[in-house]
């Protein structure tokens, strides 16, 4: 994850300051929760899924 995205993610979680990416966070969180609740979810993959989905919503692409 890029430094800018990581900093924005920390700001959103800590609620330090308003972020332009709060909607992306909410959407990524909801999709990750859905994945985590599925029968095929792997616990070790959940953080990776959240990171990639958040990155996708913010930038429109992912860095594999």
Protein backbone atom coordinates (compact mmCIF):
# COMPACT_ATOMS: atom_id res chain seq x y z
CA UNK A 1 0.00 0.00 0.00
CA UNK A 2 1.29 3.44 -0.86
CA UNK A 3 2.28 5.75 1.97
CA UNK A 4 -0.49 8.24 1.16
CA UNK A 5 -3.14 5.54 1.30
CA UNK A 6 -1.73 4.18 4.53
CA UNK A 7 -1.74 7.63 6.13
CA UNK A 8 -5.32 8.26 5.03
CA UNK A 9 -6.37 4.88 6.38
CA UNK A 10 -4.82 5.68 9.76
CA UNK A 11 -6.56 9.08 9.80
CA UNK A 12 -9.91 7.44 9.06
CA UNK A 13 -9.49 4.81 11.76
CA UNK A 14 -8.22 7.26 14.39
CA UNK A 15 -10.65 9.95 13.21
CA UNK A 16 -7.79 12.47 13.39
CA UNK A 17 -9.15 14.62 10.60
CA UNK A 18 -11.72 14.40 7.83
CA UNK A 19 -10.65 12.32 4.85
CA UNK A 20 -11.76 12.31 1.24
CA UNK A 21 -11.51 8.53 1.37
CA UNK A 22 -14.04 7.79 4.12
CA UNK A 23 -16.60 6.50 1.62
CA UNK A 24 -13.99 4.22 0.05
CA UNK A 25 -13.16 2.92 3.53
CA UNK A 26 -16.82 2.20 4.30
CA UNK A 27 -17.36 0.38 1.01
CA UNK A 28 -14.17 -1.65 1.39
CA UNK A 29 -15.07 -2.51 4.98
CA UNK A 30 -18.54 -3.72 4.02
CA UNK A 31 -17.21 -5.90 1.18
CA UNK A 32 -14.51 -7.32 3.42
CA UNK A 33 -17.09 -8.17 6.09
CA UNK A 34 -19.13 -9.98 3.45
CA UNK A 35 -16.06 -11.93 2.37
CA UNK A 36 -15.11 -12.74 5.97
CA UNK A 37 -18.60 -14.13 6.58
CA UNK A 38 -18.56 -16.36 3.53
CA UNK A 39 -17.96 -20.08 3.75
CA UNK A 40 -14.84 -19.89 1.59
CA UNK A 41 -13.11 -17.08 3.52
CA UNK A 42 -9.56 -17.67 4.68
CA UNK A 43 -8.71 -15.77 7.85
CA UNK A 44 -5.20 -14.93 6.67
CA UNK A 45 -6.55 -13.34 3.49
CA UNK A 46 -9.00 -10.93 5.13
CA UNK A 47 -6.51 -8.05 5.72
CA UNK A 48 -5.18 -8.44 2.18
CA UNK A 49 -8.70 -8.34 0.74
CA UNK A 50 -9.49 -5.15 2.68
CA UNK A 51 -6.24 -3.47 1.59
CA UNK A 52 -6.75 -4.28 -2.08
CA UNK A 53 -10.42 -3.30 -2.14
CA UNK A 54 -9.68 -0.02 -0.33
CA UNK A 55 -6.86 0.72 -2.77
CA UNK A 56 -9.14 -0.10 -5.70
CA UNK A 57 -11.86 2.27 -4.51
CA UNK A 58 -9.40 5.10 -3.85
CA UNK A 59 -7.21 4.85 -6.96
CA UNK A 60 -9.28 2.83 -9.42
CA UNK A 61 -6.53 0.22 -9.71
CA UNK A 62 -4.43 -2.13 -7.61
CA UNK A 63 -0.76 -2.89 -7.55
CA UNK A 64 -0.74 -6.68 -7.53
